[in-house]
Amino acid sequence: MRSWLRMFSSVAAMGLLVVACAPVEDTEPADTAAGDDEEETTEAEEEAREADPSATFRFGDPVGPSRFDPHLSTIGQDIRHFAPVYDRLVHLSPDGDPIPGLASSFEYSDDGLEFQMELEQGVTFHDGEPFDAEAVAANIERGQTLEGSSVAADLAVIEEVEVVDEHEVIFHLAEPNAMLPGMLSHRAGAMVSPGAFDNDDLDIMPVGAGMYEVTEHRPDDTIVYERYDDYWDEEVVGADRFELQILPDDAARFNALRTGDVDLAFLTGRQVSEAEGAGLIVESDTALHYLVLYLNRSHEALEDPQVRQAMNHAIDRDAIVESVLFGYGEASVQPFPEGYWAHNPDYPGDYYEFDPDRARELLEEAGYGDGFEFEMLVTALGTYEQTGEAVQNMLDEIGITANITMVEPAQTADVYYAQQDGDALTSQWGGRPDPSMTIELQFTGEGFANPGRHTTDEMGELHNEALTTIDFDERQEVIHRNVEHIVEQAFQVPISHEHGVYGMTDEVVGFETLVTGQPNFRTLGLAPE
């Protein structure tokens, strides 16, 4: 189990403040200022240094990217496809600490209204264009103004990007924003070559400054990444080539791993025993993604908190964890897993206990004693299909009819979030590096992942308070109140924090996962033959 205690952004209390992370206990935050960013070498990094730099690494993934333009990307899971090709301004340590990426250091001013970054020098994009302060400013402006941008809300707090010189920028903020480092480690901080902004094929052939460049992309089939020879970070050792094979079918993905057609693959809990019996290595860990029934709360019935509470009481979470996930998950009623600093311990997984009688009482009180029906989209992957059917049957027991419509995995977010089709969705929330990102996107009035844009005044006030609270202990208390409101209002029906399960051959070295659930491609490789 990963150490969740290191997963938060902390800011010092005086002068120019250096963004860092620290344990919940009373310890000093780690310094990421220029000259102080040497990181402790992990076991995975040691292993990765023994990897064959000429190897071809093959990875079996159930879903491909929604698109390769990070400013238009619509699903959180896209970050694992972006990470090899798009370096971000901020990177993440395996435990979730924001650490230097394309920015060698980053600091808040003492009033929290300026965020200064020193940039790595000698960096080029895959098209040969230089990465510099002007490129950063251009990316932020594009993310804020591009029609259909999925990161515009994240970046709205940045009022101006001041180009101090070629390798220094200052973000002038409308108000203090504690989630900025985490946000810039995700899609909003992915740097695209300005020369490629108008490329007609940017959604298919990305142009970043990462350790790999995409040389072939067959959507919903295969993506080929090849090492970028001029990559700026000479310490990173991985494979010469990555082949990402899109294999939505669970059995096909497992068979590809067992027969050696891929070296690493996502597995389901159902496949663990068979994988271990076949001599494969299985690794699993809790990450920030979770299985959930999203609700479009602008639907006539779903706008009523009692109806939503009834739906929460109707779901037997433990049964789904055992029958669908084969025990590889924990029942949950909130967005954050137990042990993570944003988790509110007052709301354990059985807070909405499985109680169909109580669910029927709540429906009666809300005026829906005869039930109602709605359209429930379901991502067309095995785990979500099985979960959707289980949810459908459980809701039927209390008189609610969920009519299932299957949606292709890579199109799910476009259909539900952007087009706002369907009244609900059974799928997975992809983890975000900072809890306020999850809260903003799903529960505020401007959240991209909140179709219908339903919220409450209290939700907006709590979210804004969390953003503008820099002190960690104070911010944790506010985030816990955010979670309290989300759960009490039953904004959605969380089901389980799944364990990410990976199977791999014994030739894989340097395997580790980040808190957002994806492999750390900066350490991943194959042992020499």
Protein backbone atom coordinates (compact mmCIF):
# COMPACT_ATOMS: atom_id res chain seq x y z
CA MET A 1 0.00 0.00 0.00
CA ARG A 2 1.44 3.36 -0.98
CA SER A 3 2.20 5.91 1.71
CA TRP A 4 -0.66 8.37 1.37
CA LEU A 5 0.73 10.53 4.12
CA ARG A 6 3.01 12.41 1.73
CA MET A 7 0.27 13.40 -0.68
CA PHE A 8 -0.37 17.09 -0.31
CA SER A 9 0.95 20.47 -1.37
CA SER A 10 2.46 22.52 1.41
CA VAL A 11 3.65 26.10 1.33
CA ALA A 12 5.98 27.82 3.76
CA ALA A 13 4.77 30.72 5.81
CA MET A 14 7.18 33.60 5.13
CA GLY A 15 8.72 35.44 2.17
CA LEU A 16 8.79 33.87 -1.30
CA LEU A 17 7.21 30.49 -0.67
CA VAL A 18 8.56 27.33 -2.25
CA VAL A 19 5.92 24.79 -3.24
CA ALA A 20 6.64 21.38 -1.78
CA CYS A 21 5.07 18.36 -0.11
CA ALA A 22 5.46 16.85 3.31
CA PRO A 23 4.04 14.18 5.59
CA VAL A 24 1.00 14.94 7.71
CA GLU A 25 3.21 14.74 10.77
CA ASP A 26 5.07 17.89 11.86
CA THR A 27 7.98 17.81 9.42
CA GLU A 28 9.50 20.48 7.26
CA PRO A 29 8.39 20.59 3.61
CA ALA A 30 10.81 19.43 0.95
CA ASP A 31 12.46 22.29 -0.95
CA THR A 32 12.12 22.39 -4.73
CA ALA A 33 14.00 25.64 -5.27
CA ALA A 34 16.79 25.81 -7.82
CA GLY A 35 19.84 23.95 -6.53
CA ASP A 36 17.82 21.99 -3.94
CA ASP A 37 15.85 19.65 -6.18
CA GLU A 38 17.97 16.54 -5.85
CA GLU A 39 15.61 13.65 -5.22
CA GLU A 40 16.16 10.54 -3.25
CA THR A 41 16.67 7.63 -5.60
CA THR A 42 13.88 5.07 -5.36
CA GLU A 43 14.33 1.33 -5.75
CA ALA A 44 12.36 1.53 -8.99
CA GLU A 45 14.78 4.11 -10.39
CA GLU A 46 17.73 1.91 -9.46
CA GLU A 47 16.12 -0.98 -11.31
CA ALA A 48 15.35 1.22 -14.31
CA ARG A 49 19.05 2.10 -14.64
CA GLU A 50 19.63 -1.57 -15.37
CA ALA A 51 17.09 -1.56 -18.19
CA ASP A 52 18.05 -2.24 -21.78
CA PRO A 53 17.99 1.21 -23.44
CA SER A 54 17.47 -0.39 -26.86
CA ALA A 55 14.40 -2.43 -25.85
CA THR A 56 10.88 -2.19 -27.23
CA PHE A 57 8.34 -2.14 -24.40
CA ARG A 58 4.75 -3.19 -25.14
CA PHE A 59 1.86 -2.14 -22.91
CA GLY A 60 -1.73 -3.42 -23.09
CA ASP A 61 -4.28 -0.74 -22.20
CA PRO A 62 -8.08 -1.11 -22.28
CA VAL A 63 -8.63 2.37 -23.71
CA GLY A 64 -6.82 4.88 -25.88
CA PRO A 65 -6.76 8.66 -25.48
CA SER A 66 -9.86 10.71 -26.17
CA ARG A 67 -7.49 12.91 -28.19
CA PHE A 68 -3.83 13.95 -27.99
CA ASP A 69 -4.43 17.68 -27.64
CA PRO A 70 -4.14 18.20 -23.85
CA HIS A 71 -6.21 21.38 -23.98
CA LEU A 72 -9.12 19.48 -25.52
CA SER A 73 -8.69 16.15 -23.75
CA THR A 74 -11.87 15.10 -21.97
CA ILE A 75 -10.91 12.17 -19.71
CA GLY A 76 -8.50 12.13 -16.80
CA GLN A 77 -7.06 8.79 -17.86
CA ASP A 78 -5.60 10.52 -20.93
CA ILE A 79 -2.68 11.57 -18.74
CA ARG A 80 -1.11 8.12 -18.99
CA HIS A 81 -1.05 8.45 -22.78
CA PHE A 82 0.21 12.04 -22.59
CA ALA A 83 2.96 11.47 -20.02
CA PRO A 84 5.56 9.92 -22.36
CA VAL A 85 5.17 12.62 -25.01
CA TYR A 86 4.20 15.77 -23.10
CA ASP A 87 6.39 16.89 -20.22
CA ARG A 88 4.48 19.11 -17.80
CA LEU A 89 5.70 22.21 -16.01
CA VAL A 90 5.45 20.23 -12.79
CA HIS A 91 5.98 16.49 -12.43
CA LEU A 92 4.81 14.17 -9.64
CA SER A 93 6.80 11.88 -7.40
CA PRO A 94 5.32 8.37 -6.99
CA ASP A 95 3.72 9.47 -3.70
CA GLY A 96 2.15 12.55 -5.26
CA ASP A 97 4.58 15.30 -4.33
CA PRO A 98 4.83 18.09 -6.94
CA ILE A 99 8.47 18.09 -8.09
CA PRO A 100 10.38 19.95 -10.82
CA GLY A 101 9.46 19.14 -14.39
CA LEU A 102 9.99 21.60 -17.20
CA ALA A 103 10.05 24.15 -14.38
CA SER A 104 13.23 23.61 -12.37
CA SER A 105 11.72 25.48 -9.41
CA PHE A 106 8.40 27.10 -8.55
CA GLU A 107 7.44 29.51 -5.79
CA TYR A 108 4.44 31.43 -4.44
CA SER A 109 4.83 35.00 -3.29
CA ASP A 110 4.05 35.68 0.34
CA ASP A 111 0.53 36.89 -0.49
CA GLY A 112 -0.10 33.91 -2.79
CA LEU A 113 -0.95 36.13 -5.75
CA GLU A 114 2.19 35.40 -7.78
CA PHE A 115 3.55 32.02 -8.82
CA GLN A 116 7.10 32.24 -10.16
CA MET A 117 8.79 29.54 -12.23
CA GLU A 118 12.38 29.06 -13.31
CA LEU A 119 12.47 26.96 -16.48
CA GLU A 120 14.84 24.24 -17.61
CA GLN A 121 17.30 25.45 -20.23
CA GLY A 122 18.29 23.78 -23.48
CA VAL A 123 14.90 22.08 -23.94
CA THR A 124 13.39 21.62 -27.39
CA PHE A 125 10.06 20.38 -28.62
CA HIS A 126 9.90 17.39 -30.95
CA ASP A 127 9.62 19.73 -33.96
CA GLY A 128 12.88 21.45 -32.97
CA GLU A 129 11.23 24.59 -31.61
CA PRO A 130 12.71 25.89 -28.33
CA PHE A 131 10.89 25.53 -25.03
CA ASP A 132 11.10 28.88 -23.25
CA ALA A 133 9.05 31.43 -21.33
CA GLU A 134 7.25 32.56 -24.48
CA ALA A 135 6.17 28.97 -25.11
CA VAL A 136 4.77 28.75 -21.58
CA ALA A 137 2.82 31.97 -22.03
CA ALA A 138 1.47 30.78 -25.38
CA ASN A 139 0.33 27.45 -23.89
CA ILE A 140 -1.47 29.11 -20.99
CA GLU A 141 -3.22 31.54 -23.32
CA ARG A 142 -4.27 28.73 -25.65
CA GLY A 143 -5.59 26.64 -22.76
CA GLN A 144 -7.64 29.62 -21.56
CA THR A 145 -9.06 30.69 -24.91
CA LEU A 146 -9.23 27.67 -27.24
CA GLU A 147 -12.82 26.89 -28.19
CA GLY A 148 -13.88 23.74 -26.37
CA SER A 149 -10.94 23.87 -23.96
CA SER A 150 -11.33 21.41 -21.10
CA VAL A 151 -8.69 23.22 -19.01
CA ALA A 152 -10.00 26.79 -19.35
CA ALA A 153 -11.68 26.66 -15.92
CA ASP A 154 -8.45 25.37 -14.33
CA LEU A 155 -6.41 28.19 -15.85
CA ALA A 156 -8.95 30.98 -15.29
CA VAL A 157 -7.26 32.03 -12.05
CA ILE A 158 -4.17 33.12 -14.06
CA GLU A 159 -4.78 36.75 -15.02
CA GLU A 160 -1.44 37.35 -16.70
CA VAL A 161 1.71 35.42 -17.60
CA GLU A 162 4.66 37.75 -17.20
CA VAL A 163 7.67 36.75 -19.30
CA VAL A 164 10.54 37.95 -17.10
CA ASP A 165 13.24 36.60 -19.39
CA GLU A 166 13.83 33.59 -21.61
CA HIS A 167 13.76 31.15 -18.68
CA GLU A 168 11.54 32.75 -16.07
CA VAL A 169 7.81 33.39 -15.89
CA ILE A 170 5.51 34.76 -13.22
CA PHE A 171 1.84 33.83 -13.14
CA HIS A 172 -0.21 36.70 -11.74
CA LEU A 173 -3.26 35.21 -10.05
CA ALA A 174 -6.70 36.67 -9.44
CA GLU A 175 -6.59 35.10 -5.97
CA PRO A 176 -4.40 32.58 -4.15
CA ASN A 177 -4.84 29.10 -5.57
CA ALA A 178 -3.49 26.17 -3.56
CA MET A 179 -4.11 23.56 -6.27
CA LEU A 180 -1.92 25.26 -8.90
CA PRO A 181 1.13 22.93 -8.59
CA GLY A 182 -1.05 19.83 -8.90
CA MET A 183 -3.00 21.35 -11.76
CA LEU A 184 0.20 22.12 -13.67
CA SER A 185 1.34 18.52 -13.26
CA HIS A 186 -1.69 17.40 -15.25
CA ARG A 187 -3.20 18.36 -18.61
CA ALA A 188 -3.21 22.10 -17.93
CA GLY A 189 0.57 22.02 -17.48
CA ALA A 190 1.35 19.87 -20.54
CA MET A 191 3.48 21.88 -22.95
CA VAL A 192 2.63 21.73 -26.66
CA SER A 193 4.95 23.18 -29.26
CA PRO A 194 3.43 26.55 -30.26
CA GLY A 195 4.43 25.73 -33.82
CA ALA A 196 1.98 22.81 -33.72
CA PHE A 197 -1.03 24.68 -32.29
CA ASP A 198 -2.70 24.81 -35.69
CA ASN A 199 -1.72 21.32 -36.86
CA ASP A 200 -4.77 19.61 -38.29
CA ASP A 201 -3.58 16.27 -36.90
CA LEU A 202 -2.61 17.39 -33.37
CA ASP A 203 -5.35 15.20 -31.92
CA ILE A 204 -3.61 12.18 -33.47
CA MET A 205 0.08 13.16 -33.67
CA PRO A 206 1.13 15.19 -30.61
CA VAL A 207 4.14 17.51 -30.55
CA GLY A 208 5.50 17.88 -27.03
CA ALA A 209 8.81 18.05 -25.18
CA GLY A 210 8.65 14.61 -23.54
CA MET A 211 11.08 11.71 -23.58
CA TYR A 212 9.18 10.01 -26.42
CA GLU A 213 7.57 11.24 -29.63
CA VAL A 214 4.65 9.54 -31.33
CA THR A 215 5.68 8.14 -34.70
CA GLU A 216 2.58 6.09 -35.47
CA HIS A 217 -0.99 6.30 -34.22
CA ARG A 218 -3.79 4.02 -35.30
CA PRO A 219 -6.75 5.14 -33.15
CA ASP A 220 -8.28 2.40 -30.98
CA ASP A 221 -5.49 0.06 -32.09
CA THR A 222 -1.83 1.00 -31.58
CA ILE A 223 0.28 4.01 -30.60
CA VAL A 224 4.03 3.86 -31.19
CA TYR A 225 6.32 6.08 -29.10
CA GLU A 226 10.01 6.35 -29.98
CA ARG A 227 12.73 7.88 -27.85
CA TYR A 228 13.37 11.56 -28.55
CA ASP A 229 17.15 11.74 -28.99
CA ASP A 230 17.38 15.38 -27.88
CA TYR A 231 15.37 14.92 -24.68
CA TRP A 232 16.58 17.32 -22.02
CA ASP A 233 16.76 14.96 -19.02
CA GLU A 234 19.74 12.69 -19.61
CA GLU A 235 19.19 10.90 -16.28
CA VAL A 236 15.99 9.24 -17.47
CA VAL A 237 16.52 5.71 -18.70
CA GLY A 238 13.73 3.72 -20.27
CA ALA A 239 13.11 1.75 -23.41
CA ASP A 240 14.00 2.90 -26.90
CA ARG A 241 10.43 2.35 -28.07
CA PHE A 242 7.01 1.95 -26.46
CA GLU A 243 4.12 0.27 -28.22
CA LEU A 244 0.75 0.94 -26.63
CA GLN A 245 -1.79 -1.65 -27.73
CA ILE A 246 -5.45 -0.73 -27.19
CA LEU A 247 -7.19 -3.92 -26.05
CA PRO A 248 -10.65 -3.21 -24.57
CA ASP A 249 -11.53 -6.88 -24.09
CA ASP A 250 -10.29 -8.13 -20.71
CA ALA A 251 -9.65 -11.66 -21.94
CA ALA A 252 -7.78 -10.49 -25.04
CA ARG A 253 -5.58 -8.22 -22.94
CA PHE A 254 -4.77 -11.03 -20.51
CA ASN A 255 -4.00 -13.47 -23.32
CA ALA A 256 -1.68 -10.92 -24.95
CA LEU A 257 0.25 -10.74 -21.68
CA ARG A 258 0.32 -14.48 -21.13
CA THR A 259 1.58 -15.20 -24.65
CA GLY A 260 4.23 -12.48 -24.53
CA ASP A 261 2.62 -10.14 -27.05
CA VAL A 262 2.75 -7.41 -24.38
CA ASP A 263 5.06 -6.98 -21.40
CA LEU A 264 2.67 -5.11 -19.10
CA ALA A 265 -1.13 -4.90 -19.02
CA PHE A 266 -4.05 -3.76 -16.95
CA LEU A 267 -5.82 -6.73 -15.38
CA THR A 268 -9.05 -7.14 -13.46
CA GLY A 269 -9.32 -8.65 -9.98
CA ARG A 270 -11.00 -11.65 -11.57
CA GLN A 271 -7.79 -12.44 -13.50
CA VAL A 272 -5.27 -12.19 -10.65
CA SER A 273 -5.30 -15.84 -9.60
CA GLU A 274 -4.93 -17.10 -13.17
CA ALA A 275 -2.15 -14.60 -13.86
CA GLU A 276 -0.18 -15.69 -10.83
CA GLY A 277 -0.73 -19.31 -11.78
CA ALA A 278 0.76 -18.55 -15.20
CA GLY A 279 3.95 -17.24 -13.57
CA LEU A 280 3.18 -13.57 -14.21
CA ILE A 281 3.93 -10.84 -11.67
CA VAL A 282 0.90 -8.97 -10.34
CA GLU A 283 1.06 -5.58 -8.67
CA SER A 284 -1.93 -3.73 -7.22
CA ASP A 285 -2.35 -0.52 -5.29
CA THR A 286 -5.00 2.00 -4.38
CA ALA A 287 -4.94 5.17 -6.43
CA LEU A 288 -7.14 8.25 -6.69
CA HIS A 289 -9.53 6.86 -9.30
CA TYR A 290 -12.85 5.38 -8.21
CA LEU A 291 -15.86 3.51 -9.57
CA VAL A 292 -18.94 5.73 -9.52
CA LEU A 293 -22.48 6.32 -10.71
CA TYR A 294 -22.36 9.95 -11.86
CA LEU A 295 -25.68 11.81 -11.75
CA ASN A 296 -26.76 14.67 -13.98
CA ARG A 297 -28.49 16.57 -11.23
CA SER A 298 -30.42 18.77 -13.66
CA HIS A 299 -32.68 15.74 -14.32
CA GLU A 300 -36.07 16.37 -12.69
CA ALA A 301 -35.87 13.52 -10.18
CA LEU A 302 -32.11 13.57 -9.68
CA GLU A 303 -32.11 17.21 -8.58
CA ASP A 304 -33.75 16.11 -5.30
CA PRO A 305 -31.21 15.24 -2.53
CA GLN A 306 -33.58 12.69 -1.00
CA VAL A 307 -33.79 10.83 -4.31
CA ARG A 308 -30.01 10.79 -4.54
CA GLN A 309 -29.73 9.60 -0.94
CA ALA A 310 -32.22 6.85 -1.73
CA MET A 311 -30.08 5.72 -4.67
CA ASN A 312 -27.05 5.61 -2.39
CA HIS A 313 -28.92 3.40 0.09
CA ALA A 314 -30.03 1.11 -2.76
CA ILE A 315 -26.49 0.11 -3.77
CA ASP A 316 -24.83 -2.89 -2.14
CA ARG A 317 -21.25 -1.69 -2.49
CA ASP A 318 -19.67 -4.67 -0.75
CA ALA A 319 -21.43 -7.05 -3.14
CA ILE A 320 -20.08 -5.15 -6.15
CA VAL A 321 -16.55 -5.11 -4.71
CA GLU A 322 -16.67 -8.89 -4.20
CA SER A 323 -18.54 -9.96 -7.33
CA VAL A 324 -17.19 -7.47 -9.89
CA LEU A 325 -13.80 -6.44 -8.50
CA PHE A 326 -13.09 -9.79 -6.79
CA GLY A 327 -12.15 -7.95 -3.62
CA TYR A 328 -9.71 -5.55 -5.32
CA GLY A 329 -11.31 -2.38 -4.00
CA GLU A 330 -12.92 -0.77 -0.96
CA ALA A 331 -16.52 0.37 -0.68
CA SER A 332 -16.73 4.16 -0.62
CA VAL A 333 -19.26 6.98 -0.41
CA GLN A 334 -16.78 9.81 -1.09
CA PRO A 335 -14.30 10.82 -3.79
CA PHE A 336 -11.11 10.15 -1.78
CA PRO A 337 -9.75 6.83 -0.46
CA GLU A 338 -9.09 6.02 3.16
CA GLY A 339 -5.60 7.12 4.22
CA TYR A 340 -5.43 9.98 1.71
CA TRP A 341 -5.26 13.38 3.38
CA ALA A 342 -8.47 14.63 1.74
CA HIS A 343 -10.49 11.61 2.94
CA ASN A 344 -13.04 12.57 5.59
CA PRO A 345 -13.03 9.74 8.18
CA ASP A 346 -16.52 10.71 9.36
CA TYR A 347 -17.88 9.14 6.16
CA PRO A 348 -16.76 5.49 5.96
CA GLY A 349 -17.76 3.17 3.15
CA ASP A 350 -20.91 2.05 4.96
CA TYR A 351 -22.19 5.55 5.73
CA TYR A 352 -24.98 4.96 3.21
CA GLU A 353 -25.61 1.41 4.36
CA PHE A 354 -27.32 -0.96 1.96
CA ASP A 355 -30.94 -0.50 3.04
CA PRO A 356 -33.62 -0.81 0.32
CA ASP A 357 -36.41 -0.14 2.83
CA ARG A 358 -34.84 3.18 3.83
CA ALA A 359 -34.34 3.96 0.14
CA ARG A 360 -38.05 3.42 -0.53
CA GLU A 361 -38.97 5.65 2.42
CA LEU A 362 -36.82 8.47 1.04
CA LEU A 363 -38.37 8.12 -2.41
CA GLU A 364 -41.84 8.30 -0.86
CA GLU A 365 -40.92 11.43 1.10
CA ALA A 366 -39.56 13.01 -2.11
CA GLY A 367 -42.77 12.29 -3.99
CA TYR A 368 -41.38 9.44 -6.07
CA GLY A 369 -43.04 6.53 -4.30
CA ASP A 370 -43.99 5.07 -7.69
CA GLY A 371 -40.41 5.39 -8.90
CA PHE A 372 -39.12 6.96 -12.09
CA GLU A 373 -36.87 6.06 -15.00
CA PHE A 374 -33.73 7.58 -16.46
CA GLU A 375 -31.07 6.87 -19.08
CA MET A 376 -27.84 5.49 -17.61
CA LEU A 377 -24.79 5.54 -19.86
CA VAL A 378 -22.25 2.80 -19.18
CA THR A 379 -18.66 2.73 -20.43
CA ALA A 380 -18.36 -0.35 -22.63
CA LEU A 381 -15.64 -2.15 -20.68
CA GLY A 382 -16.12 -5.36 -18.72
CA THR A 383 -15.87 -3.93 -15.20
CA TYR A 384 -18.20 -1.02 -15.91
CA GLU A 385 -20.66 -3.15 -17.85
CA GLN A 386 -20.92 -5.58 -14.93
CA THR A 387 -21.20 -2.72 -12.44
CA GLY A 388 -23.85 -1.02 -14.55
CA GLU A 389 -25.96 -4.17 -14.67
CA ALA A 390 -25.62 -4.61 -10.89
CA VAL A 391 -26.63 -0.98 -10.29
CA GLN A 392 -29.56 -1.38 -12.68
CA ASN A 393 -30.83 -4.43 -10.77
CA MET A 394 -30.36 -2.80 -7.35
CA LEU A 395 -32.21 0.35 -8.36
CA ASP A 396 -34.98 -1.74 -9.86
CA GLU A 397 -35.55 -3.22 -6.40
CA ILE A 398 -36.64 0.20 -5.12
CA GLY A 399 -38.72 1.06 -8.17
CA ILE A 400 -36.20 3.09 -10.18
CA THR A 401 -35.71 2.03 -13.81
CA ALA A 402 -32.25 2.67 -15.24
CA ASN A 403 -32.24 2.24 -19.03
CA ILE A 404 -28.69 1.34 -20.06
CA THR A 405 -26.95 2.82 -23.11
CA MET A 406 -23.42 1.58 -23.81
CA VAL A 407 -20.77 4.14 -24.82
CA GLU A 408 -17.34 3.50 -26.31
CA PRO A 409 -14.60 4.12 -23.71
CA ALA A 410 -12.72 6.88 -25.53
CA GLN A 411 -16.00 8.68 -26.29
CA THR A 412 -17.54 8.48 -22.81
CA ALA A 413 -16.45 11.89 -21.57
CA ASP A 414 -17.36 13.64 -24.82
CA VAL A 415 -20.83 12.11 -24.80
CA TYR A 416 -21.64 12.62 -21.11
CA TYR A 417 -19.69 15.74 -20.13
CA ALA A 418 -19.45 17.76 -23.34
CA GLN A 419 -22.60 16.72 -25.23
CA GLN A 420 -24.46 16.13 -21.95
CA ASP A 421 -26.27 13.09 -23.28
CA GLY A 422 -27.79 10.70 -20.75
CA ASP A 423 -29.00 11.31 -17.21
CA ALA A 424 -26.29 9.34 -15.44
CA LEU A 425 -23.10 7.43 -16.14
CA THR A 426 -21.50 4.33 -14.63
CA SER A 427 -17.76 4.57 -15.14
CA GLN A 428 -14.52 5.51 -13.41
CA TRP A 429 -13.33 8.90 -12.22
CA GLY A 430 -9.68 9.29 -13.15
CA GLY A 431 -7.65 10.58 -10.22
CA ARG A 432 -6.35 14.15 -10.12
CA PRO A 433 -3.16 15.31 -8.39
CA ASP A 434 -4.97 17.72 -6.08
CA PRO A 435 -8.36 17.14 -4.38
CA SER A 436 -9.65 20.59 -5.33
CA MET A 437 -9.30 19.59 -8.98
CA THR A 438 -11.66 16.65 -8.42
CA ILE A 439 -14.08 18.86 -6.48
CA GLU A 440 -14.03 21.71 -8.99
CA LEU A 441 -14.53 19.54 -12.04
CA GLN A 442 -17.37 17.43 -10.65
CA PHE A 443 -19.27 19.54 -8.15
CA THR A 444 -18.99 23.26 -8.89
CA GLY A 445 -21.21 25.24 -11.23
CA GLU A 446 -18.46 25.61 -13.84
CA GLY A 447 -17.12 22.07 -13.63
CA PHE A 448 -16.56 20.36 -16.98
CA ALA A 449 -17.41 16.98 -15.44
CA ASN A 450 -20.67 18.34 -14.01
CA PRO A 451 -23.26 18.09 -16.80
CA GLY A 452 -26.24 20.26 -16.03
CA ARG A 453 -23.92 22.43 -13.87
CA HIS A 454 -25.98 21.77 -10.75
CA THR A 455 -24.34 22.90 -7.52
CA THR A 456 -25.14 24.67 -4.25
CA ASP A 457 -24.03 28.02 -2.86
CA GLU A 458 -22.32 26.22 0.03
CA MET A 459 -20.37 24.03 -2.38
CA GLY A 460 -19.03 27.08 -4.20
CA GLU A 461 -18.10 28.82 -0.96
CA LEU A 462 -16.30 25.78 0.45
CA HIS A 463 -14.41 25.17 -2.77
CA ASN A 464 -13.26 28.78 -2.97
CA GLU A 465 -12.17 28.69 0.67
CA ALA A 466 -10.10 25.56 0.01
CA LEU A 467 -8.43 27.14 -3.01
CA THR A 468 -7.44 30.29 -1.17
CA THR A 469 -6.25 28.53 2.01
CA ILE A 470 -2.50 27.94 1.68
CA ASP A 471 -1.76 26.56 5.16
CA PHE A 472 -2.02 22.77 4.90
CA ASP A 473 -3.73 22.00 8.22
CA GLU A 474 -6.33 24.69 7.62
CA ARG A 475 -6.84 23.57 4.04
CA GLN A 476 -7.31 19.92 5.08
CA GLU A 477 -10.09 20.97 7.45
CA VAL A 478 -11.83 22.91 4.67
CA ILE A 479 -11.46 20.00 2.22
CA HIS A 480 -13.04 17.70 4.82
CA ARG A 481 -16.00 20.09 4.99
CA ASN A 482 -16.14 19.98 1.18
CA VAL A 483 -16.37 16.19 1.37
CA GLU A 484 -19.01 16.38 4.11
CA HIS A 485 -21.22 18.54 1.90
CA ILE A 486 -20.70 16.29 -1.15
CA VAL A 487 -21.67 13.17 0.80
CA GLU A 488 -24.59 14.69 2.72
CA GLN A 489 -26.02 16.13 -0.49
CA ALA A 490 -25.37 12.81 -2.27
CA PHE A 491 -24.14 14.60 -5.36
CA GLN A 492 -23.26 11.20 -6.87
CA VAL A 493 -23.20 7.51 -5.97
CA PRO A 494 -19.58 6.51 -5.32
CA ILE A 495 -19.18 2.74 -5.28
CA SER A 496 -15.58 1.72 -4.72
CA HIS A 497 -12.02 2.89 -4.76
CA GLU A 498 -10.63 0.27 -7.09
CA HIS A 499 -7.19 -1.19 -6.79
CA GLY A 500 -5.18 -0.64 -9.96
CA VAL A 501 -4.12 -4.15 -10.98
CA TYR A 502 -1.20 -4.65 -13.36
CA GLY A 503 0.22 -7.90 -14.68
CA MET A 504 3.71 -8.10 -16.11
CA THR A 505 6.42 -10.48 -17.20
CA ASP A 506 9.52 -10.98 -15.08
CA GLU A 507 11.58 -9.00 -17.63
CA VAL A 508 9.90 -5.74 -16.57
CA VAL A 509 12.10 -3.51 -14.40
CA GLY A 510 11.49 -0.15 -12.80
CA PHE A 511 7.73 -0.60 -12.47
CA GLU A 512 5.96 1.82 -10.16
CA THR A 513 2.68 3.67 -10.32
CA LEU A 514 1.90 7.30 -9.63
CA VAL A 515 -0.97 8.40 -7.41
CA THR A 516 -3.12 9.07 -10.46
CA GLY A 517 -2.85 5.39 -11.35
CA GLN A 518 -0.62 5.35 -14.43
CA PRO A 519 2.79 3.69 -14.68
CA ASN A 520 5.81 5.92 -14.20
CA PHE A 521 7.21 5.85 -17.72
CA ARG A 522 10.37 7.60 -16.51
CA THR A 523 11.53 4.45 -14.73
CA LEU A 524 9.92 1.69 -16.79
CA GLY A 525 11.94 -0.68 -18.95
CA LEU A 526 12.94 -4.25 -19.78
CA ALA A 527 15.94 -6.16 -18.49
CA PRO A 528 18.63 -6.96 -21.09
CA GLU A 529 18.24 -10.35 -22.74
